[in-house]
Protein backbone atom coordinates (compact mmCIF):
# COMPACT_ATOMS: atom_id res chain seq x y z
CA MET A 1 107.63 97.29 77.53
CA LYS A 2 104.24 97.14 75.82
CA THR A 3 102.62 100.42 74.88
CA ILE A 4 99.01 101.40 74.39
CA ASP A 5 97.93 104.22 72.14
CA GLN A 6 96.11 106.45 74.62
CA LYS A 7 93.64 107.45 71.87
CA THR A 8 92.63 103.87 71.05
CA ALA A 9 92.93 102.20 74.44
CA ALA A 10 91.36 98.82 75.03
CA PRO A 11 87.55 98.57 75.11
CA PRO A 12 85.77 97.82 78.39
CA LEU A 13 86.60 94.47 79.98
CA ASN A 14 83.83 94.63 82.59
CA SER A 15 85.86 92.39 84.87
CA LEU A 16 88.41 93.25 87.54
CA GLU A 17 89.77 89.73 87.28
CA VAL A 18 90.44 90.13 83.54
CA LEU A 19 92.03 93.53 84.13
CA GLU A 20 94.35 92.13 86.80
CA LYS A 21 95.48 89.38 84.45
CA SER A 22 96.73 92.07 82.07
CA LEU A 23 99.10 93.48 84.72
CA THR A 24 102.80 92.66 84.98
CA LEU A 25 103.07 91.58 88.60
CA PRO A 26 105.39 91.16 90.35
CA SER A 27 107.01 94.08 88.60
CA PRO A 28 110.64 93.48 87.50
CA LEU A 29 113.62 94.30 89.72
CA ILE A 30 116.59 95.16 87.52
CA PRO A 31 120.24 95.92 88.37
CA PHE A 32 121.17 99.59 88.05
CA CYS A 33 124.83 100.33 87.29
CA PRO A 34 125.29 103.93 86.13
CA SER A 35 128.75 105.39 85.61
CA TRP A 36 128.15 107.97 88.34
CA HIS A 37 130.74 108.91 90.91
CA GLY A 38 130.14 106.86 94.03
CA ALA A 39 127.99 104.25 92.30
CA GLU A 40 130.88 101.80 92.26
CA SER A 41 130.86 101.53 96.06
CA VAL A 42 127.21 100.45 96.42
CA SER A 43 124.81 97.94 94.81
CA MET A 44 121.57 99.23 93.23
CA TRP A 45 118.40 97.88 91.70
CA VAL A 46 115.33 99.58 90.22
CA LYS A 47 111.87 98.27 91.07
CA ARG A 48 110.17 98.78 87.71
CA ASP A 49 106.61 99.52 88.79
CA ASP A 50 106.37 101.62 85.62
CA MET A 51 106.08 98.27 83.81
CA ILE A 52 102.95 97.09 85.66
CA HIS A 53 100.71 98.32 82.84
CA PRO A 54 101.06 100.73 79.89
CA VAL A 55 98.38 103.03 81.31
CA ILE A 56 97.80 102.01 84.96
CA SER A 57 101.47 102.59 85.60
CA GLY A 58 103.56 102.52 88.74
CA ASN A 59 102.22 103.15 92.20
CA LYS A 60 98.81 104.14 90.84
CA TRP A 61 97.66 100.53 90.56
CA ARG A 62 99.22 99.74 93.93
CA LYS A 63 97.15 102.44 95.61
CA LEU A 64 93.90 101.58 93.84
CA ALA A 65 93.97 97.78 93.98
CA TYR A 66 92.47 97.15 97.41
CA ALA A 67 89.82 99.85 97.09
CA LEU A 68 88.64 98.20 93.88
CA ARG A 69 88.74 94.70 95.33
CA SER A 70 86.96 95.50 98.57
CA ASN A 71 83.72 96.86 97.13
CA LYS A 72 81.44 96.40 94.16
CA ILE A 73 81.80 99.92 92.83
CA ALA A 74 79.24 101.52 90.53
CA GLU A 75 80.54 105.09 90.56
CA VAL A 76 83.81 106.80 91.51
CA ILE A 77 84.72 110.41 92.23
CA SER A 78 88.27 111.64 92.67
CA PHE A 79 90.49 114.71 92.50
CA GLY A 80 93.60 115.92 90.71
CA GLY A 81 95.31 118.49 88.54
CA GLY A 82 95.33 118.77 84.78
CA PHE A 83 98.24 116.34 84.41
CA SER A 84 97.31 113.94 87.23
CA ASN A 85 98.73 110.43 86.87
CA HIS A 86 96.20 109.28 89.45
CA LEU A 87 93.17 110.55 87.51
CA HIS A 88 94.62 109.15 84.30
CA ALA A 89 95.06 105.65 85.74
CA LEU A 90 91.73 105.72 87.57
CA GLY A 91 89.92 106.98 84.48
CA PHE A 92 91.24 104.06 82.45
CA VAL A 93 90.32 101.56 85.18
CA CYS A 94 86.77 102.91 85.36
CA TYR A 95 86.47 102.86 81.58
CA THR A 96 87.62 99.25 81.31
CA LEU A 97 85.32 98.17 84.15
CA ASN A 98 82.34 100.23 82.96
CA ILE A 99 82.27 102.30 86.15
CA LYS A 100 80.91 105.85 86.06
CA PHE A 101 83.76 108.24 86.86
CA THR A 102 83.77 111.93 87.79
CA ALA A 103 87.12 113.73 87.87
CA ILE A 104 87.18 116.95 89.91
CA ILE A 105 90.04 118.91 88.37
CA ARG A 106 91.81 121.94 89.79
CA GLY A 107 91.61 124.76 87.24
CA ASP A 108 89.62 125.22 84.04
CA TYR A 109 91.23 123.46 81.08
CA SER A 110 88.10 123.48 78.93
CA ALA A 111 89.65 125.82 76.34
CA ALA A 112 92.93 123.91 76.15
CA PRO A 113 92.60 120.38 77.61
CA THR A 114 95.81 118.58 78.47
CA PRO A 115 96.65 115.20 76.89
CA MET A 116 95.53 113.54 80.13
CA ILE A 117 92.15 115.28 80.06
CA CYS A 118 91.68 114.37 76.39
CA ASP A 119 92.17 110.74 77.35
CA LEU A 120 89.63 111.04 80.16
CA VAL A 121 87.06 112.49 77.78
CA ARG A 122 87.62 109.58 75.38
CA TRP A 123 87.14 107.25 78.34
CA ASN A 124 83.71 108.76 79.10
CA THR A 125 84.80 110.59 82.24
CA GLN A 126 82.61 113.36 83.61
CA ILE A 127 84.94 116.35 84.04
CA ASP A 128 84.17 118.89 86.76
CA TYR A 129 86.53 121.90 86.67
CA VAL A 130 86.72 123.78 89.96
CA ASN A 131 88.61 126.84 91.12
CA ARG A 132 91.45 126.64 93.64
CA LEU A 133 89.28 127.65 96.61
CA THR A 134 86.83 124.83 95.92
CA TYR A 135 89.66 122.38 95.27
CA GLN A 136 91.20 123.20 98.63
CA LYS A 137 88.08 121.68 100.23
CA ARG A 138 88.86 118.22 98.78
CA ASN A 139 89.60 116.84 102.25
CA ASP A 140 86.99 118.87 104.13
CA GLU A 141 84.41 116.60 105.77
CA HIS A 142 81.50 118.97 105.11
CA TYR A 143 82.38 119.34 101.43
CA LEU A 144 82.78 115.57 101.06
CA ALA A 145 79.49 114.95 102.87
CA ALA A 146 77.69 117.28 100.46
CA LEU A 147 79.37 115.55 97.54
CA GLN A 148 78.26 112.18 98.86
CA ILE A 149 74.65 113.39 99.17
CA LYS A 150 74.78 114.56 95.56
CA HIS A 151 76.27 111.19 94.49
CA PRO A 152 74.82 108.69 97.00
CA HIS A 153 76.16 105.60 95.22
CA ALA A 154 79.66 106.93 94.60
CA THR A 155 82.93 105.85 96.16
CA ILE A 156 85.05 108.95 96.80
CA ILE A 157 88.78 108.32 96.43
CA PRO A 158 91.17 110.99 97.76
CA GLU A 159 93.64 112.90 95.62
CA GLY A 160 96.48 110.66 94.49
CA GLY A 161 94.61 107.56 95.66
CA SER A 162 96.08 108.14 99.10
CA GLN A 163 93.93 106.31 101.64
CA HIS A 164 94.54 103.57 104.20
CA ALA A 165 93.57 100.84 101.73
CA ALA A 166 96.40 102.06 99.50
CA LEU A 167 99.02 100.93 102.01
CA LEU A 168 98.12 97.27 101.50
CA GLY A 169 98.81 97.54 97.79
CA VAL A 170 102.07 99.42 98.29
CA GLN A 171 103.23 96.87 100.87
CA GLU A 172 103.03 94.23 98.14
CA LEU A 173 105.74 96.15 96.28
CA VAL A 174 108.17 95.50 99.14
CA HIS A 175 107.09 91.89 99.64
CA GLU A 176 107.86 91.20 95.96
CA ILE A 177 111.53 92.09 96.43
CA THR A 178 113.47 88.90 97.16
CA THR A 179 116.94 90.49 96.78
CA PRO A 180 118.32 91.62 100.16
CA PHE A 181 118.53 95.41 100.47
CA ASP A 182 119.29 98.05 103.09
CA VAL A 183 117.67 101.20 101.71
CA ILE A 184 114.68 101.83 99.46
CA MET A 185 114.03 105.20 97.77
CA ALA A 186 110.80 106.62 96.33
CA PRO A 187 109.25 110.01 95.54
CA VAL A 188 106.89 111.63 98.06
CA ALA A 189 103.86 113.77 97.19
CA SER A 190 100.68 112.61 98.94
CA GLY A 191 102.39 110.32 101.45
CA ALA A 192 100.73 106.93 101.03
CA THR A 193 103.45 105.32 98.93
CA LEU A 194 106.22 106.06 101.42
CA ALA A 195 103.93 105.05 104.31
CA GLY A 196 103.11 101.73 102.63
CA ILE A 197 106.77 101.04 101.93
CA THR A 198 107.84 101.99 105.45
CA SER A 199 105.24 99.77 107.10
CA ALA A 200 106.48 96.73 105.14
CA LEU A 201 110.20 97.02 105.90
CA SER A 202 112.16 94.72 108.16
CA GLU A 203 113.79 96.02 111.31
CA LYS A 204 117.15 96.77 109.66
CA GLN A 205 115.82 98.35 106.47
CA THR A 206 115.18 102.06 105.96
CA ALA A 207 113.24 104.18 103.47
CA ILE A 208 114.27 107.52 102.00
CA GLY A 209 111.57 109.63 100.43
CA ILE A 210 112.49 112.36 97.96
CA GLY A 211 110.08 115.26 98.33
CA VAL A 212 108.86 116.36 94.89
CA LEU A 213 107.13 119.47 96.21
CA LYS A 214 107.86 122.14 98.79
CA GLY A 215 106.63 120.92 102.14
CA GLN A 216 109.13 120.23 104.90
CA GLY A 217 107.04 119.09 107.86
CA TYR A 218 103.90 118.93 105.72
CA LEU A 219 105.05 115.86 103.80
CA GLU A 220 106.13 114.19 107.03
CA SER A 221 102.62 114.76 108.43
CA LEU A 222 101.05 113.19 105.33
CA VAL A 223 103.14 110.06 105.76
CA SER A 224 102.65 109.88 109.53
CA GLN A 225 98.84 110.01 109.29
CA PHE A 226 98.89 106.62 107.55
CA LEU A 227 101.26 104.87 109.96
CA PRO A 228 99.77 102.95 112.91
CA HIS A 229 102.41 104.29 115.29
CA GLN A 230 105.54 106.43 115.28
CA MET A 231 108.29 104.78 113.23
CA ASP A 232 111.90 105.87 112.87
CA ASN A 233 112.88 103.87 109.80
CA TRP A 234 112.14 106.61 107.26
CA THR A 235 113.21 110.12 106.33
CA ILE A 236 112.33 112.63 103.62
CA ASN A 237 115.02 114.52 101.73
CA HIS A 238 113.71 117.98 100.80
CA ASN A 239 116.69 119.16 98.75
CA TYR A 240 115.40 118.17 95.31
CA HIS A 241 111.89 119.60 94.92
CA CYS A 242 113.38 122.27 92.61
CA GLY A 243 111.11 124.98 93.95
CA GLY A 244 107.80 123.14 93.97
CA TYR A 245 105.61 120.49 92.39
CA ALA A 246 106.25 120.09 88.64
CA LYS A 247 108.97 122.76 88.76
CA VAL A 248 111.64 121.76 86.25
CA PRO A 249 114.81 123.88 86.20
CA ALA A 250 117.14 123.52 83.24
CA THR A 251 119.60 121.37 85.20
CA LEU A 252 116.90 118.80 86.00
CA ALA A 253 115.57 118.84 82.43
CA THR A 254 119.08 118.23 81.09
CA PHE A 255 119.66 115.41 83.57
CA CYS A 256 116.43 113.69 82.52
CA GLU A 257 117.23 114.04 78.82
CA GLU A 258 120.73 112.60 79.28
CA PHE A 259 119.35 109.81 81.48
CA ILE A 260 116.84 108.76 78.82
CA GLN A 261 119.60 108.70 76.18
CA THR A 262 121.96 106.52 78.23
CA MET A 263 119.82 104.31 80.48
CA PRO A 264 117.60 101.31 79.64
CA PHE A 265 114.39 102.99 80.82
CA LYS A 266 112.74 106.40 80.78
CA ILE A 267 112.09 108.91 83.55
CA GLU A 268 110.13 112.16 83.76
CA PRO A 269 110.99 115.34 85.69
CA VAL A 270 108.07 115.47 88.14
CA TYR A 271 108.60 112.25 90.12
CA SER A 272 111.15 109.70 88.91
CA GLY A 273 113.51 112.34 87.52
CA LYS A 274 113.84 114.03 90.90
CA VAL A 275 114.48 110.70 92.63
CA PHE A 276 117.29 109.66 90.28
CA TRP A 277 118.74 113.17 90.29
CA ALA A 278 118.77 113.05 94.09
CA LEU A 279 120.36 109.60 94.00
CA LYS A 280 123.16 110.77 91.69
CA ASN A 281 123.95 113.72 93.96
CA MET A 282 123.76 111.68 97.15
CA LEU A 283 126.17 109.12 95.69
CA ASN A 284 128.53 111.90 94.67
CA GLU A 285 128.41 113.31 98.21
CA GLY A 286 129.19 109.93 99.77
CA PHE A 287 125.83 109.80 101.55
CA PHE A 288 125.67 105.99 101.46
CA ALA A 289 128.16 103.79 103.29
CA PRO A 290 130.26 101.52 101.05
CA GLY A 291 128.47 98.25 100.38
CA THR A 292 124.96 99.67 100.90
CA LYS A 293 122.30 97.82 98.91
CA ILE A 294 119.78 100.28 97.46
CA VAL A 295 116.42 99.75 95.72
CA ILE A 296 114.96 102.69 93.79
CA VAL A 297 111.21 102.53 93.11
CA HIS A 298 110.19 103.74 89.66
CA THR A 299 106.63 104.86 90.33
CA GLY A 300 105.73 105.43 86.68
CA GLY A 301 104.01 108.67 85.73
CA LEU A 302 105.58 108.98 82.30
CA GLN A 303 102.26 110.08 80.79
CA GLY A 304 102.53 113.32 82.73
CA ALA A 305 105.38 114.42 80.47
CA ARG A 306 103.43 113.84 77.24
CA LYS A 307 103.00 116.70 74.79
CA ASN A 308 100.06 115.08 72.96
């Protein structure tokens, strides 16, 4: 996989067409054969969306693609935390396309910016630190209307890139898979990825989301808001959030470290690590019927685990 030094990322391309030509699409689908108990009775593949681009990794491009294609955008505003994969990917896209970008970030990191924020600054992003009360208004129509008045030419993209246009990009992920499968697994945080996957499945296929934050019922509502009608081909497993978003107990950290040492690709503990940890436990418990064909979506996000 190609890598880009975040500190010396490519100069502006000024062309969405040129940017898209730099992407690895369709992303690879590779066999996954770990020596885990129960793995011998099923067939597994990993959809390597982490290989789409060294910076615009995983489902972040999927969720941004149609929003970028549908409008000639001069300015973008979006939301996220201090380690947000979404803001990181969007910041790089805006930099390469010479689009003004404002990142509204939960919490004040001005005294100790994270590696992600340092990248955004290098990419000419306007950083707006807000407190938690203000950040909680990120979906409030009055707050967004005031923001739009202040930035009349801006396109406002929700936290995580989760909007209806995102589903079209995520559906492409499923359409790229030519190997027959029964079950597809992916992490769930803001809901659009699982909704996009679910809406692209055939009648006999099912999706399992692994909740990466505390939110039984809440995560289901996030997914449901994007679906055109009630669908029964998806579920969310809430047993592996580890106490909340970005919570990393020692057992999960150890699993991720051992995984990286023994597998042909990397994971991180916030998203992909929880999915593969859940998969290992579900296989051990005999959750899947013998012969089940499983696709695991690697949604990228490795930059979130960076120390510098």
